[in-house]
Amino acid sequence: MKTLDYIALILVAIGAINWGLIGFFSFDLIRVIFGDMTMVSRIIYALVGIAGLYSLSFFGRLRDDE
């Protein structure tokens, strides 16, 4: 489970960096690297979204640790 947590955090960080670039500079790094809505870029966006949803479970686990 710990490995999945690290993968999710890495994907969430990639998403956060990409959204920061979009917000501050109107620069979509994923689009530049992988193309405009190609299958690969759509998979990356989907994985980042799933990782973000999975990361919400961290709140429940933090509460259980108290």
PDB file of N, CA and C in Angstrom:
ATOM      1  N   MET A   1       0.824  -1.194   0.000  1.00  0.00           N
ATOM      2  CA  MET A   1       0.000   0.000   0.000  1.00  0.00           C
ATOM      3  C   MET A   1       0.868   1.258   0.000  1.00  0.00           C
ATOM      4  N   LYS A   2       2.012   1.184   0.653  1.00  0.00           N
ATOM      5  CA  LYS A   2       2.886   2.346   0.731  1.00  0.00           C
ATOM      6  C   LYS A   2       3.402   2.740  -0.661  1.00  0.00           C
ATOM      7  N   THR A   3       3.695   1.754  -1.506  1.00  0.00           N
ATOM      8  CA  THR A   3       4.163   2.041  -2.857  1.00  0.00           C
ATOM      9  C   THR A   3       3.078   2.770  -3.647  1.00  0.00           C
ATOM     10  N   LEU A   4       1.854   2.323  -3.520  1.00  0.00           N
ATOM     11  CA  LEU A   4       0.737   2.972  -4.203  1.00  0.00           C
ATOM     12  C   LEU A   4       0.573   4.415  -3.711  1.00  0.00           C
ATOM     13  N   ASP A   5       0.780   4.635  -2.430  1.00  0.00           N
ATOM     14  CA  ASP A   5       0.702   5.992  -1.877  1.00  0.00           C
ATOM     15  C   ASP A   5       1.762   6.901  -2.506  1.00  0.00           C
ATOM     16  N   TYR A   6       2.984   6.403  -2.641  1.00  0.00           N
ATOM     17  CA  TYR A   6       4.050   7.200  -3.241  1.00  0.00           C
ATOM     18  C   TYR A   6       3.772   7.488  -4.714  1.00  0.00           C
ATOM     19  N   ILE A   7       3.282   6.500  -5.442  1.00  0.00           N
ATOM     20  CA  ILE A   7       2.939   6.707  -6.848  1.00  0.00           C
ATOM     21  C   ILE A   7       1.844   7.759  -6.964  1.00  0.00           C
ATOM     22  N   ALA A   8       0.837   7.666  -6.095  1.00  0.00           N
ATOM     23  CA  ALA A   8      -0.256   8.642  -6.115  1.00  0.00           C
ATOM     24  C   ALA A   8       0.271  10.039  -5.813  1.00  0.00           C
ATOM     25  N   LEU A   9       1.151  10.157  -4.833  1.00  0.00           N
ATOM     26  CA  LEU A   9       1.695  11.476  -4.492  1.00  0.00           C
ATOM     27  C   LEU A   9       2.530  12.055  -5.628  1.00  0.00           C
ATOM     28  N   ILE A  10       3.283  11.222  -6.318  1.00  0.00           N
ATOM     29  CA  ILE A  10       4.075  11.689  -7.451  1.00  0.00           C
ATOM     30  C   ILE A  10       3.156  12.194  -8.556  1.00  0.00           C
ATOM     31  N   LEU A  11       2.097  11.429  -8.849  1.00  0.00           N
ATOM     32  CA  LEU A  11       1.158  11.846  -9.889  1.00  0.00           C
ATOM     33  C   LEU A  11       0.422  13.132  -9.498  1.00  0.00           C
ATOM     34  N   VAL A  12       0.066  13.251  -8.231  1.00  0.00           N
ATOM     35  CA  VAL A  12      -0.597  14.476  -7.767  1.00  0.00           C
ATOM     36  C   VAL A  12       0.367  15.661  -7.883  1.00  0.00           C
ATOM     37  N   ALA A  13       1.631  15.457  -7.569  1.00  0.00           N
ATOM     38  CA  ALA A  13       2.623  16.528  -7.698  1.00  0.00           C
ATOM     39  C   ALA A  13       2.786  16.934  -9.159  1.00  0.00           C
ATOM     40  N   ILE A  14       2.825  15.963 -10.072  1.00  0.00           N
ATOM     41  CA  ILE A  14       2.915  16.270 -11.501  1.00  0.00           C
ATOM     42  C   ILE A  14       1.702  17.096 -11.926  1.00  0.00           C
ATOM     43  N   GLY A  15       0.522  16.687 -11.474  1.00  0.00           N
ATOM     44  CA  GLY A  15      -0.689  17.440 -11.793  1.00  0.00           C
ATOM     45  C   GLY A  15      -0.656  18.843 -11.228  1.00  0.00           C
ATOM     46  N   ALA A  16      -0.177  18.980  -9.999  1.00  0.00           N
ATOM     47  CA  ALA A  16      -0.100  20.306  -9.372  1.00  0.00           C
ATOM     48  C   ALA A  16       0.873  21.214 -10.120  1.00  0.00           C
ATOM     49  N   ILE A  17       2.002  20.678 -10.511  1.00  0.00           N
ATOM     50  CA  ILE A  17       2.976  21.466 -11.276  1.00  0.00           C
ATOM     51  C   ILE A  17       2.369  21.886 -12.609  1.00  0.00           C
ATOM     52  N   ASN A  18       1.704  20.945 -13.278  1.00  0.00           N
ATOM     53  CA  ASN A  18       1.094  21.267 -14.570  1.00  0.00           C
ATOM     54  C   ASN A  18       0.016  22.340 -14.416  1.00  0.00           C
ATOM     55  N   TRP A  19      -0.849  22.214 -13.403  1.00  0.00           N
ATOM     56  CA  TRP A  19      -1.885  23.218 -13.191  1.00  0.00           C
ATOM     57  C   TRP A  19      -1.285  24.570 -12.804  1.00  0.00           C
ATOM     58  N   GLY A  20      -0.201  24.544 -12.048  1.00  0.00           N
ATOM     59  CA  GLY A  20       0.479  25.798 -11.722  1.00  0.00           C
ATOM     60  C   GLY A  20       1.026  26.477 -12.964  1.00  0.00           C
ATOM     61  N   LEU A  21       1.622  25.692 -13.850  1.00  0.00           N
ATOM     62  CA  LEU A  21       2.132  26.252 -15.099  1.00  0.00           C
ATOM     63  C   LEU A  21       1.003  26.815 -15.959  1.00  0.00           C
ATOM     64  N   ILE A  22      -0.127  26.091 -15.982  1.00  0.00           N
ATOM     65  CA  ILE A  22      -1.273  26.583 -16.748  1.00  0.00           C
ATOM     66  C   ILE A  22      -1.791  27.888 -16.146  1.00  0.00           C
ATOM     67  N   GLY A  23      -1.917  27.927 -14.830  1.00  0.00           N
ATOM     68  CA  GLY A  23      -2.458  29.116 -14.167  1.00  0.00           C
ATOM     69  C   GLY A  23      -1.566  30.333 -14.267  1.00  0.00           C
ATOM     70  N   PHE A  24      -0.267  30.139 -14.091  1.00  0.00           N
ATOM     71  CA  PHE A  24       0.637  31.280 -14.075  1.00  0.00           C
ATOM     72  C   PHE A  24       1.115  31.708 -15.460  1.00  0.00           C
ATOM     73  N   PHE A  25       1.314  30.727 -16.348  1.00  0.00           N
ATOM     74  CA  PHE A  25       1.952  31.030 -17.629  1.00  0.00           C
ATOM     75  C   PHE A  25       1.147  30.591 -18.852  1.00  0.00           C
ATOM     76  N   SER A  26      -0.040  30.027 -18.659  1.00  0.00           N
ATOM     77  CA  SER A  26      -0.846  29.470 -19.757  1.00  0.00           C
ATOM     78  C   SER A  26      -0.029  28.459 -20.564  1.00  0.00           C
ATOM     79  N   PHE A  27       0.738  27.649 -19.859  1.00  0.00           N
ATOM     80  CA  PHE A  27       1.624  26.665 -20.489  1.00  0.00           C
ATOM     81  C   PHE A  27       1.261  25.276 -19.971  1.00  0.00           C
ATOM     82  N   ASP A  28       0.735  24.436 -20.853  1.00  0.00           N
ATOM     83  CA  ASP A  28       0.343  23.070 -20.486  1.00  0.00           C
ATOM     84  C   ASP A  28       1.488  22.119 -20.846  1.00  0.00           C
ATOM     85  N   LEU A  29       2.262  21.726 -19.849  1.00  0.00           N
ATOM     86  CA  LEU A  29       3.444  20.908 -20.063  1.00  0.00           C
ATOM     87  C   LEU A  29       3.092  19.537 -20.642  1.00  0.00           C
ATOM     88  N   ILE A  30       2.016  18.928 -20.185  1.00  0.00           N
ATOM     89  CA  ILE A  30       1.621  17.613 -20.690  1.00  0.00           C
ATOM     90  C   ILE A  30       1.275  17.704 -22.175  1.00  0.00           C
ATOM     91  N   ARG A  31       0.572  18.751 -22.560  1.00  0.00           N
ATOM     92  CA  ARG A  31       0.211  18.944 -23.973  1.00  0.00           C
ATOM     93  C   ARG A  31       1.455  19.146 -24.824  1.00  0.00           C
ATOM     94  N   VAL A  32       2.416  19.903 -24.312  1.00  0.00           N
ATOM     95  CA  VAL A  32       3.638  20.174 -25.067  1.00  0.00           C
ATOM     96  C   VAL A  32       4.446  18.888 -25.260  1.00  0.00           C
ATOM     97  N   ILE A  33       4.534  18.073 -24.215  1.00  0.00           N
ATOM     98  CA  ILE A  33       5.348  16.853 -24.299  1.00  0.00           C
ATOM     99  C   ILE A  33       4.654  15.760 -25.105  1.00  0.00           C
ATOM    100  N   PHE A  34       3.357  15.535 -24.853  1.00  0.00           N
ATOM    101  CA  PHE A  34       2.679  14.375 -25.417  1.00  0.00           C
ATOM    102  C   PHE A  34       1.672  14.709 -26.510  1.00  0.00           C
ATOM    103  N   GLY A  35       1.409  15.970 -26.778  1.00  0.00           N
ATOM    104  CA  GLY A  35       0.479  16.345 -27.828  1.00  0.00           C
ATOM    105  C   GLY A  35      -0.869  16.756 -27.259  1.00  0.00           C
ATOM    106  N   ASP A  36      -1.653  17.400 -28.113  1.00  0.00           N
ATOM    107  CA  ASP A  36      -2.943  17.936 -27.707  1.00  0.00           C
ATOM    108  C   ASP A  36      -3.995  16.825 -27.715  1.00  0.00           C
ATOM    109  N   MET A  37      -4.328  16.335 -26.547  1.00  0.00           N
ATOM    110  CA  MET A  37      -5.334  15.299 -26.322  1.00  0.00           C
ATOM    111  C   MET A  37      -5.075  14.018 -27.126  1.00  0.00           C
ATOM    112  N   THR A  38      -3.806  13.623 -27.171  1.00  0.00           N
ATOM    113  CA  THR A  38      -3.487  12.313 -27.729  1.00  0.00           C
ATOM    114  C   THR A  38      -3.884  11.255 -26.704  1.00  0.00           C
ATOM    115  N   MET A  39      -3.831  10.004 -27.103  1.00  0.00           N
ATOM    116  CA  MET A  39      -4.202   8.923 -26.191  1.00  0.00           C
ATOM    117  C   MET A  39      -3.285   8.929 -24.953  1.00  0.00           C
ATOM    118  N   VAL A  40      -2.006   9.174 -25.164  1.00  0.00           N
ATOM    119  CA  VAL A  40      -1.055   9.183 -24.039  1.00  0.00           C
ATOM    120  C   VAL A  40      -1.362  10.322 -23.079  1.00  0.00           C
ATOM    121  N   SER A  41      -1.614  11.513 -23.608  1.00  0.00           N
ATOM    122  CA  SER A  41      -1.900  12.643 -22.719  1.00  0.00           C
ATOM    123  C   SER A  41      -3.216  12.429 -21.980  1.00  0.00           C
ATOM    124  N   ARG A  42      -4.200  11.837 -22.630  1.00  0.00           N
ATOM    125  CA  ARG A  42      -5.473  11.552 -21.951  1.00  0.00           C
ATOM    126  C   ARG A  42      -5.281  10.540 -20.831  1.00  0.00           C
ATOM    127  N   ILE A  43      -4.428   9.545 -21.052  1.00  0.00           N
ATOM    128  CA  ILE A  43      -4.127   8.556 -20.008  1.00  0.00           C
ATOM    129  C   ILE A  43      -3.440   9.231 -18.830  1.00  0.00           C
ATOM    130  N   ILE A  44      -2.503  10.124 -19.112  1.00  0.00           N
ATOM    131  CA  ILE A  44      -1.802  10.834 -18.032  1.00  0.00           C
ATOM    132  C   ILE A  44      -2.777  11.687 -17.241  1.00  0.00           C
ATOM    133  N   TYR A  45      -3.643  12.434 -17.933  1.00  0.00           N
ATOM    134  CA  TYR A  45      -4.646  13.241 -17.231  1.00  0.00           C
ATOM    135  C   TYR A  45      -5.558  12.355 -16.379  1.00  0.00           C
ATOM    136  N   ALA A  46      -5.954  11.206 -16.921  1.00  0.00           N
ATOM    137  CA  ALA A  46      -6.826  10.289 -16.174  1.00  0.00           C
ATOM    138  C   ALA A  46      -6.114   9.740 -14.949  1.00  0.00           C
ATOM    139  N   LEU A  47      -4.846   9.352 -15.090  1.00  0.00           N
ATOM    140  CA  LEU A  47      -4.087   8.824 -13.950  1.00  0.00           C
ATOM    141  C   LEU A  47      -3.897   9.876 -12.870  1.00  0.00           C
ATOM    142  N   VAL A  48      -3.634  11.103 -13.277  1.00  0.00           N
ATOM    143  CA  VAL A  48      -3.486  12.189 -12.302  1.00  0.00           C
ATOM    144  C   VAL A  48      -4.808  12.410 -11.564  1.00  0.00           C
ATOM    145  N   GLY A  49      -5.919  12.361 -12.293  1.00  0.00           N
ATOM    146  CA  GLY A  49      -7.229  12.517 -11.662  1.00  0.00           C
ATOM    147  C   GLY A  49      -7.538  11.402 -10.686  1.00  0.00           C
ATOM    148  N   ILE A  50      -7.256  10.170 -11.083  1.00  0.00           N
ATOM    149  CA  ILE A  50      -7.477   9.023 -10.194  1.00  0.00           C
ATOM    150  C   ILE A  50      -6.585   9.129  -8.965  1.00  0.00           C
ATOM    151  N   ALA A  51      -5.327   9.548  -9.172  1.00  0.00           N
ATOM    152  CA  ALA A  51      -4.407   9.710  -8.037  1.00  0.00           C
ATOM    153  C   ALA A  51      -4.908  10.781  -7.081  1.00  0.00           C
ATOM    154  N   GLY A  52      -5.482  11.845  -7.623  1.00  0.00           N
ATOM    155  CA  GLY A  52      -6.041  12.893  -6.771  1.00  0.00           C
ATOM    156  C   GLY A  52      -7.195  12.379  -5.934  1.00  0.00           C
ATOM    157  N   LEU A  53      -8.070  11.606  -6.554  1.00  0.00           N
ATOM    158  CA  LEU A  53      -9.180  11.023  -5.801  1.00  0.00           C
ATOM    159  C   LEU A  53      -8.675  10.039  -4.754  1.00  0.00           C
ATOM    160  N   TYR A  54      -7.695   9.215  -5.122  1.00  0.00           N
ATOM    161  CA  TYR A  54      -7.119   8.258  -4.179  1.00  0.00           C
ATOM    162  C   TYR A  54      -6.472   8.991  -3.005  1.00  0.00           C
ATOM    163  N   SER A  55      -5.843  10.121  -3.288  1.00  0.00           N
ATOM    164  CA  SER A  55      -5.156  10.876  -2.235  1.00  0.00           C
ATOM    165  C   SER A  55      -6.115  11.418  -1.187  1.00  0.00           C
ATOM    166  N   LEU A  56      -7.387  11.546  -1.528  1.00  0.00           N
ATOM    167  CA  LEU A  56      -8.366  11.966  -0.531  1.00  0.00           C
ATOM    168  C   LEU A  56      -8.446  10.965   0.619  1.00  0.00           C
ATOM    169  N   SER A  57      -8.106   9.716   0.361  1.00  0.00           N
ATOM    170  CA  SER A  57      -8.132   8.708   1.426  1.00  0.00           C
ATOM    171  C   SER A  57      -7.055   8.972   2.478  1.00  0.00           C
ATOM    172  N   PHE A  58      -6.056   9.797   2.147  1.00  0.00           N
ATOM    173  CA  PHE A  58      -5.015  10.122   3.126  1.00  0.00           C
ATOM    174  C   PHE A  58      -5.617  10.833   4.329  1.00  0.00           C
ATOM    175  N   PHE A  59      -6.643  11.635   4.090  1.00  0.00           N
ATOM    176  CA  PHE A  59      -7.277  12.340   5.206  1.00  0.00           C
ATOM    177  C   PHE A  59      -7.879  11.371   6.213  1.00  0.00           C
ATOM    178  N   GLY A  60      -8.527  10.349   5.720  1.00  0.00           N
ATOM    179  CA  GLY A  60      -9.096   9.335   6.615  1.00  0.00           C
ATOM    180  C   GLY A  60      -8.036   8.575   7.365  1.00  0.00           C
ATOM    181  N   ARG A  61      -6.942   8.275   6.698  1.00  0.00           N
ATOM    182  CA  ARG A  61      -5.859   7.554   7.374  1.00  0.00           C
ATOM    183  C   ARG A  61      -5.140   8.435   8.383  1.00  0.00           C
ATOM    184  N   LEU A  62      -5.030   9.723   8.117  1.00  0.00           N
ATOM    185  CA  LEU A  62      -4.431  10.630   9.100  1.00  0.00           C
ATOM    186  C   LEU A  62      -5.284  10.695  10.352  1.00  0.00           C
ATOM    187  N   ARG A  63      -6.579  10.700  10.160  1.00  0.00           N
ATOM    188  CA  ARG A  63      -7.495  10.770  11.287  1.00  0.00           C
ATOM    189  C   ARG A  63      -7.413   9.489  12.125  1.00  0.00           C
ATOM    190  N   ASP A  64      -7.216   8.348  11.446  1.00  0.00           N
ATOM    191  CA  ASP A  64      -7.105   7.068  12.156  1.00  0.00           C
ATOM    192  C   ASP A  64      -5.814   6.982  12.957  1.00  0.00           C
ATOM    193  N   ASP A  65      -4.765   7.694  12.542  1.00  0.00           N
ATOM    194  CA  ASP A  65      -3.480   7.643  13.230  1.00  0.00           C
ATOM    195  C   ASP A  65      -3.495   8.408  14.552  1.00  0.00           C
ATOM    196  N   GLU A  66      -4.439   9.307  14.743  1.00  0.00           N
ATOM    197  CA  GLU A  66      -4.469  10.137  15.956  1.00  0.00           C
ATOM    198  C   GLU A  66      -4.867   9.363  17.161  1.00  0.00           C
TER     199      GLU A  66
END
